[in-house]
Protein backbone atom coordinates (compact mmCIF):
# COMPACT_ATOMS: atom_id res chain seq x y z
CA MET A 1 0.35 -0.31 0.25
CA ALA A 2 0.59 3.63 -0.63
CA ASP A 3 2.14 5.98 2.30
CA SER A 4 -1.19 7.29 3.34
CA SER A 5 -0.02 10.78 4.22
CA ALA A 6 0.55 11.17 0.82
CA CYS A 7 -2.98 12.86 0.39
CA ASN A 8 -5.31 14.69 2.77
CA PRO A 9 -8.30 14.28 1.01
CA GLN A 10 -9.78 17.02 2.98
CA LEU A 11 -7.49 19.37 2.88
CA LEU A 12 -7.62 19.00 -1.13
CA LEU A 13 -10.89 19.63 -1.38
CA ASN A 14 -11.14 22.49 0.46
CA HIS A 15 -7.97 24.06 -1.62
CA LYS A 16 -8.98 27.15 -3.47
CA PHE A 17 -7.24 26.77 -7.08
CA PRO A 18 -5.67 30.74 -7.96
CA GLU A 19 -7.65 31.82 -11.78
CA THR A 20 -5.04 31.99 -14.47
CA THR A 21 -4.83 34.03 -17.45
CA TYR A 22 -3.61 32.59 -21.21
CA THR A 23 -2.67 35.06 -23.74
CA TYR A 24 -2.50 33.80 -27.49
CA THR A 25 -1.91 35.15 -31.24
CA GLU A 26 -2.91 33.68 -34.21
CA ARG A 27 0.92 32.71 -34.61
CA ASP A 28 0.46 30.50 -31.73
CA VAL A 29 -2.85 29.31 -33.07
CA ALA A 30 -1.38 27.92 -36.59
CA VAL A 31 1.62 26.31 -35.17
CA TYR A 32 -0.89 24.93 -32.70
CA ALA A 33 -2.75 23.42 -36.52
CA LEU A 34 0.69 22.47 -37.94
CA SER A 35 1.73 20.53 -34.55
CA VAL A 36 -1.30 18.26 -34.21
CA GLY A 37 -1.03 17.54 -38.47
CA ALA A 38 -2.77 20.32 -39.87
CA CYS A 39 -1.87 20.24 -44.09
CA GLY A 40 1.21 17.43 -43.16
CA ARG A 41 -0.09 15.57 -46.33
CA ASN A 42 -0.56 18.92 -48.47
CA ALA A 43 0.58 22.33 -47.63
CA VAL A 44 -2.13 24.08 -49.33
CA ASP A 45 -4.89 20.96 -47.87
CA THR A 46 -7.98 22.82 -49.26
CA ASP A 47 -10.41 21.73 -45.94
CA GLU A 48 -7.03 22.81 -43.26
CA LEU A 49 -5.19 25.93 -44.87
CA LYS A 50 -7.54 28.46 -43.11
CA TYR A 51 -5.95 27.03 -39.69
CA VAL A 52 -2.97 28.72 -40.88
CA TYR A 53 -3.46 30.96 -43.61
CA HIS A 54 -6.24 33.60 -43.85
CA GLU A 55 -7.91 31.76 -46.98
CA ASN A 56 -10.15 33.22 -49.20
CA GLY A 57 -9.89 37.29 -47.73
CA LEU A 58 -10.93 35.46 -44.46
CA GLN A 59 -10.23 38.04 -42.19
CA PHE A 60 -8.91 35.60 -38.80
CA ILE A 61 -7.77 32.18 -39.00
CA LYS A 62 -9.78 28.94 -38.32
CA VAL A 63 -9.50 27.55 -34.52
CA LEU A 64 -9.04 24.00 -33.75
CA PRO A 65 -11.44 23.22 -30.68
CA THR A 66 -8.53 21.64 -29.17
CA PHE A 67 -6.39 24.57 -28.88
CA SER A 68 -8.69 24.84 -26.05
CA THR A 69 -6.53 22.39 -24.06
CA LEU A 70 -3.52 24.54 -23.63
CA PHE A 71 -5.49 26.88 -21.54
CA ALA A 72 -5.02 24.39 -19.17
CA LEU A 73 -1.47 23.70 -18.94
CA ASP A 74 -0.17 27.34 -17.13
CA PRO A 75 0.85 25.66 -14.92
CA PRO A 76 1.29 22.31 -16.26
CA PRO A 77 -0.49 19.17 -13.78
CA GLN A 78 3.06 18.27 -12.88
CA ASP A 79 3.81 21.82 -11.71
CA MET A 80 0.93 22.39 -9.68
CA ASP A 81 1.10 23.03 -5.87
CA LEU A 82 -1.79 20.83 -4.24
CA PRO A 83 -1.75 20.50 -0.77
CA GLY A 84 -2.86 17.62 0.86
CA LEU A 85 -1.80 15.66 -1.85
CA SER A 86 2.35 14.68 -2.17
CA PHE A 87 3.63 13.08 -5.91
CA ASP A 88 6.36 12.50 -7.69
CA PRO A 89 5.91 14.29 -11.21
CA ARG A 90 8.24 12.16 -12.96
CA LEU A 91 5.25 9.14 -12.10
CA LEU A 92 2.77 11.32 -13.14
CA LEU A 93 0.43 9.74 -16.23
CA HIS A 94 -2.24 11.83 -18.11
CA GLY A 95 -5.60 9.37 -18.05
CA GLN A 96 -8.61 11.47 -19.57
CA GLN A 97 -9.06 14.52 -21.64
CA TYR A 98 -12.67 15.86 -21.57
CA ILE A 99 -14.40 19.36 -23.65
CA GLU A 100 -16.87 20.87 -23.95
CA VAL A 101 -17.01 23.76 -26.44
CA TYR A 102 -19.03 26.44 -26.50
CA LYS A 103 -18.66 28.80 -28.58
CA PRO A 104 -15.53 29.37 -31.65
CA LEU A 105 -12.75 29.82 -30.48
CA PRO A 106 -11.50 33.75 -31.01
CA SER A 107 -8.00 33.29 -33.45
CA ASN A 108 -6.79 35.36 -30.30
CA ALA A 109 -7.38 36.33 -26.77
CA THR A 110 -6.59 36.81 -23.39
CA ILE A 111 -7.74 33.82 -21.30
CA TYR A 112 -9.26 33.49 -17.76
CA ASN A 113 -9.79 30.71 -16.48
CA LYS A 114 -11.22 29.05 -13.48
CA VAL A 115 -10.13 26.02 -11.82
CA SER A 116 -11.74 23.61 -9.58
CA LEU A 117 -11.24 19.56 -8.16
CA ALA A 118 -13.44 17.61 -10.26
CA GLY A 119 -12.70 14.29 -9.03
CA LEU A 120 -10.34 12.47 -7.36
CA HIS A 121 -10.27 8.63 -6.63
CA ASP A 122 -8.04 6.36 -4.42
CA LYS A 123 -6.63 3.32 -7.03
CA GLY A 124 -4.47 1.61 -3.90
CA LYS A 125 -0.83 1.90 -5.47
CA ALA A 126 -2.42 5.01 -7.32
CA ALA A 127 -4.41 8.33 -6.67
CA ILE A 128 -6.59 9.73 -9.48
CA LEU A 129 -6.89 13.25 -10.06
CA GLU A 130 -9.14 15.62 -12.21
CA ILE A 131 -9.08 19.24 -12.57
CA GLU A 132 -11.66 21.54 -14.09
CA THR A 133 -10.85 24.69 -16.10
CA ARG A 134 -13.54 27.23 -17.67
CA SER A 135 -12.23 29.36 -19.85
CA TYR A 136 -13.65 32.51 -20.28
CA GLU A 137 -12.89 35.38 -23.08
CA LYS A 138 -11.58 38.36 -20.60
CA GLU A 139 -12.80 41.13 -22.74
CA SER A 140 -16.69 39.72 -23.26
CA GLY A 141 -16.69 37.69 -20.33
CA GLU A 142 -18.00 34.55 -22.81
CA LEU A 143 -17.96 31.15 -21.54
CA LEU A 144 -15.76 29.33 -24.34
CA SER A 145 -14.96 25.91 -23.11
CA MET A 146 -13.99 23.67 -20.34
CA ASN A 147 -11.54 21.02 -19.97
CA ARG A 148 -11.25 18.34 -17.14
CA THR A 149 -7.81 16.63 -16.99
CA SER A 150 -7.76 13.35 -15.07
CA ILE A 151 -4.34 12.64 -13.85
CA PHE A 152 -2.82 9.39 -12.81
CA LEU A 153 -0.34 9.38 -10.18
CA ARG A 154 1.11 6.52 -9.09
CA GLY A 155 2.78 5.81 -5.64
CA ALA A 156 0.25 8.62 -4.42
CA GLY A 157 -2.49 5.90 -3.76
CA GLY A 158 -3.86 4.32 -0.55
CA PHE A 159 -4.45 6.77 1.05
CA SER A 160 -8.27 5.42 2.79
CA ASP A 161 -9.27 2.04 3.81
CA PRO A 162 -9.27 -0.53 1.14
CA SER A 163 -12.40 -1.69 1.92
CA GLN A 164 -14.44 1.52 1.18
CA PRO A 165 -11.79 3.46 -0.96
CA PHE A 166 -11.75 6.74 -1.28
CA THR A 167 -13.62 8.36 -4.52
CA TYR A 168 -15.17 12.14 -4.95
CA SER A 169 -16.29 13.63 -8.11
CA ASN A 170 -18.52 16.53 -9.17
CA TYR A 171 -19.61 15.48 -12.94
CA PRO A 172 -21.93 13.07 -14.61
CA ALA A 173 -20.62 9.94 -14.30
CA ASN A 174 -21.18 9.28 -18.16
CA GLN A 175 -19.15 11.80 -19.51
CA ALA A 176 -16.05 9.54 -18.20
CA SER A 177 -17.35 6.32 -19.07
CA ALA A 178 -15.11 4.06 -21.41
CA MET A 179 -17.09 4.03 -24.77
CA ARG A 180 -17.44 0.61 -25.99
CA ILE A 181 -15.89 0.53 -29.89
CA PRO A 182 -18.24 -1.57 -32.41
CA GLU A 183 -17.50 -4.68 -34.22
CA ASN A 184 -18.22 -3.19 -37.51
CA GLN A 185 -16.23 -1.47 -40.19
CA PRO A 186 -15.29 1.84 -39.27
CA PHE A 187 -17.44 4.53 -40.98
CA ALA A 188 -14.06 6.34 -41.97
CA VAL A 189 -10.33 5.56 -41.68
CA PHE A 190 -7.70 8.50 -41.64
CA GLU A 191 -3.82 7.88 -41.83
CA ASP A 192 -1.31 10.21 -40.76
CA CYS A 193 1.63 9.43 -41.36
CA THR A 194 3.74 12.06 -39.29
CA GLN A 195 6.94 12.41 -41.65
CA SER A 196 7.28 13.70 -45.01
CA SER A 197 6.71 17.61 -43.91
CA GLN A 198 6.73 17.47 -40.49
CA ALA A 199 9.95 16.15 -40.71
CA CYS A 200 9.81 12.34 -38.94
CA SER A 201 10.45 13.41 -35.53
CA ASN A 202 10.36 16.54 -34.90
CA ASP A 203 6.57 16.26 -33.75
CA ALA A 204 7.31 16.48 -30.10
CA LEU A 205 9.75 19.38 -30.20
CA LEU A 206 6.44 21.81 -32.44
CA TYR A 207 4.21 20.77 -30.11
CA ARG A 208 6.41 21.57 -27.38
CA LEU A 209 5.92 25.39 -28.79
CA SER A 210 2.47 25.63 -27.59
CA GLY A 211 3.77 24.99 -24.12
CA ASP A 212 4.07 21.76 -22.76
CA TYR A 213 7.93 21.87 -21.70
CA ASN A 214 8.12 18.55 -20.23
CA PRO A 215 11.59 16.60 -21.01
CA LEU A 216 9.90 13.29 -21.37
CA HIS A 217 8.92 14.65 -24.98
CA SER A 218 12.08 15.93 -25.29
CA ASP A 219 15.26 14.97 -23.27
CA PRO A 220 16.48 11.16 -24.05
CA MET A 221 17.49 10.69 -21.10
CA VAL A 222 14.44 11.71 -19.23
CA ALA A 223 12.40 9.63 -21.16
CA LYS A 224 14.85 6.62 -20.03
CA VAL A 225 14.59 7.31 -17.15
CA ALA A 226 10.36 6.86 -17.83
CA GLY A 227 11.41 3.87 -19.01
CA PHE A 228 11.12 5.10 -22.67
CA SER A 229 13.58 4.03 -25.63
CA ARG A 230 12.78 7.78 -27.15
CA PRO A 231 11.29 10.62 -26.01
CA ILE A 232 7.17 9.88 -26.66
CA LEU A 233 5.06 12.01 -27.64
CA HIS A 234 2.56 14.70 -25.72
CA GLY A 235 -0.55 12.70 -25.44
CA LEU A 236 -2.79 15.84 -26.31
CA CYS A 237 -0.77 16.01 -29.52
CA THR A 238 -1.89 12.68 -30.55
CA PHE A 239 -5.76 13.93 -28.92
CA GLY A 240 -5.38 16.83 -31.69
CA PHE A 241 -4.33 14.33 -34.31
CA ALA A 242 -7.69 12.55 -33.68
CA VAL A 243 -9.88 15.49 -33.21
CA ARG A 244 -8.13 16.74 -36.76
CA ALA A 245 -9.06 13.71 -38.48
CA ILE A 246 -12.79 13.32 -37.05
CA ILE A 247 -13.44 17.60 -38.51
CA LYS A 248 -12.04 16.57 -41.76
CA CYS A 249 -13.49 13.07 -42.34
CA ILE A 250 -17.29 13.51 -40.69
CA CYS A 251 -17.94 17.33 -39.91
CA ARG A 252 -16.16 18.24 -43.71
CA GLY A 253 -13.53 20.67 -42.74
CA ASP A 254 -15.78 22.15 -40.20
CA PRO A 255 -14.64 23.01 -36.41
CA ASP A 256 -17.59 24.49 -35.14
CA MET A 257 -19.83 21.42 -35.87
CA ILE A 258 -17.65 19.91 -32.45
CA ARG A 259 -19.81 20.00 -29.47
CA ASN A 260 -18.20 17.88 -26.61
CA ILE A 261 -14.53 15.59 -26.99
CA SER A 262 -13.96 12.81 -24.79
CA GLY A 263 -10.89 10.68 -25.38
CA ARG A 264 -9.34 7.94 -22.98
CA PHE A 265 -4.98 8.01 -23.14
CA LEU A 266 -4.53 4.28 -23.67
CA LEU A 267 -0.58 3.80 -25.03
CA HIS A 268 2.47 6.06 -25.55
CA VAL A 269 3.20 6.70 -29.43
CA TYR A 270 6.73 7.91 -30.50
CA PRO A 271 7.48 10.40 -32.83
CA SER A 272 7.24 9.69 -36.61
CA GLU A 273 5.24 6.86 -36.06
CA THR A 274 1.72 6.68 -38.08
CA LEU A 275 -1.29 6.91 -36.81
CA VAL A 276 -4.89 5.55 -37.78
CA THR A 277 -7.99 7.14 -36.78
CA GLU A 278 -10.84 4.50 -36.92
CA MET A 279 -14.62 6.64 -36.46
CA TRP A 280 -17.90 5.23 -36.20
CA LEU A 281 -20.72 6.97 -36.87
CA GLU A 282 -24.79 6.88 -34.11
CA GLY A 283 -26.33 9.36 -34.14
CA LEU A 284 -25.00 12.67 -33.66
CA ARG A 285 -21.75 10.93 -31.53
CA VAL A 286 -18.33 9.76 -33.04
CA ILE A 287 -16.62 6.90 -31.53
CA TYR A 288 -13.33 7.05 -32.59
CA ARG A 289 -10.09 4.74 -31.97
CA VAL A 290 -6.38 5.33 -32.96
CA LYS A 291 -3.94 3.37 -34.10
CA ALA A 292 -0.10 3.12 -33.78
CA LYS A 293 -0.05 1.75 -37.55
CA GLU A 294 4.32 0.31 -36.60
CA ARG A 295 2.76 -1.70 -33.69
CA ASN A 296 -0.63 -2.22 -34.32
CA ARG A 297 -1.43 -1.03 -31.05
CA ALA A 298 -4.68 0.96 -29.89
CA VAL A 299 -3.13 4.45 -28.05
CA LEU A 300 -6.67 6.49 -27.83
CA SER A 301 -9.58 6.49 -28.11
CA GLY A 302 -12.97 8.47 -26.84
CA TYR A 303 -16.08 9.59 -29.05
CA VAL A 304 -17.35 13.54 -29.74
CA HIS A 305 -20.70 13.91 -29.96
CA LEU A 306 -21.68 16.86 -32.93
CA HIS A 307 -24.51 19.51 -32.97
CA ARG A 308 -25.16 18.67 -36.37
CA LEU A 309 -23.98 16.41 -39.63
CA ALA A 310 -22.55 17.86 -42.61
CA ALA A 311 -24.66 17.86 -44.99
CA SER A 312 -22.49 15.83 -47.36
CA LEU A 313 -22.86 12.37 -45.35
């Protein structure tokens, strides 16, 4: 059993997280889009050029909905000061990500974030910590998005009675439920070769410029200490690849059709691996699974709810 002093649930539940701000420009939006594969196959892709260029006289470039995950990275989970919780940041794993999109994201803005504890669970040898970030446009005060980040903290569990382990959530259970992958053939399959124009193993280094500077994704020695043969791709980068594939194949290039997104991280991805996103359409819900083609291993799965279906479907 882990050290019971590693977590004081009541102290953590009473903690008031400070509000944070995040300012970004169109350059940040474009760098993010490129880092999750936009225009990676074709530099003038008619579905994706709008994420990096003012196509056809557009006043502003479009913003991928997963860009909102960056709002929740300041500070990153491994650097959070959490009274009542002791953990080794080197043993932190990103478990799940859930996003609700309330309005299309502006191409440049100052965001202020209201952060709160959404869940805490004792899993014996580990603890699961869930942080919710509600992001508002500072100028208008409008709520733009909500991110819920679930973090798996190895070595931080065992702080409650094993016969009645501590568990707390402040959101509906169906938002965190694991998705059953259908057995029938996918409605659509999209393959992202993260080589060619993305310069092989530079994906993690490019995504790093969006604000996640965890050395696990850039430093070979840190990666080896963590048990990997080389630096791994950010989980949220894989997440961005998957949602971009859904927007391209199911939404016919319209990112504003996305209502909410859920993803469960299953396995690490190495930069330069080919990502294959399989999609099943069930009404207004898209169930998806991402595989690393070279290893034939599932690395991410989840669902996306849409506001509507594309007329061409």
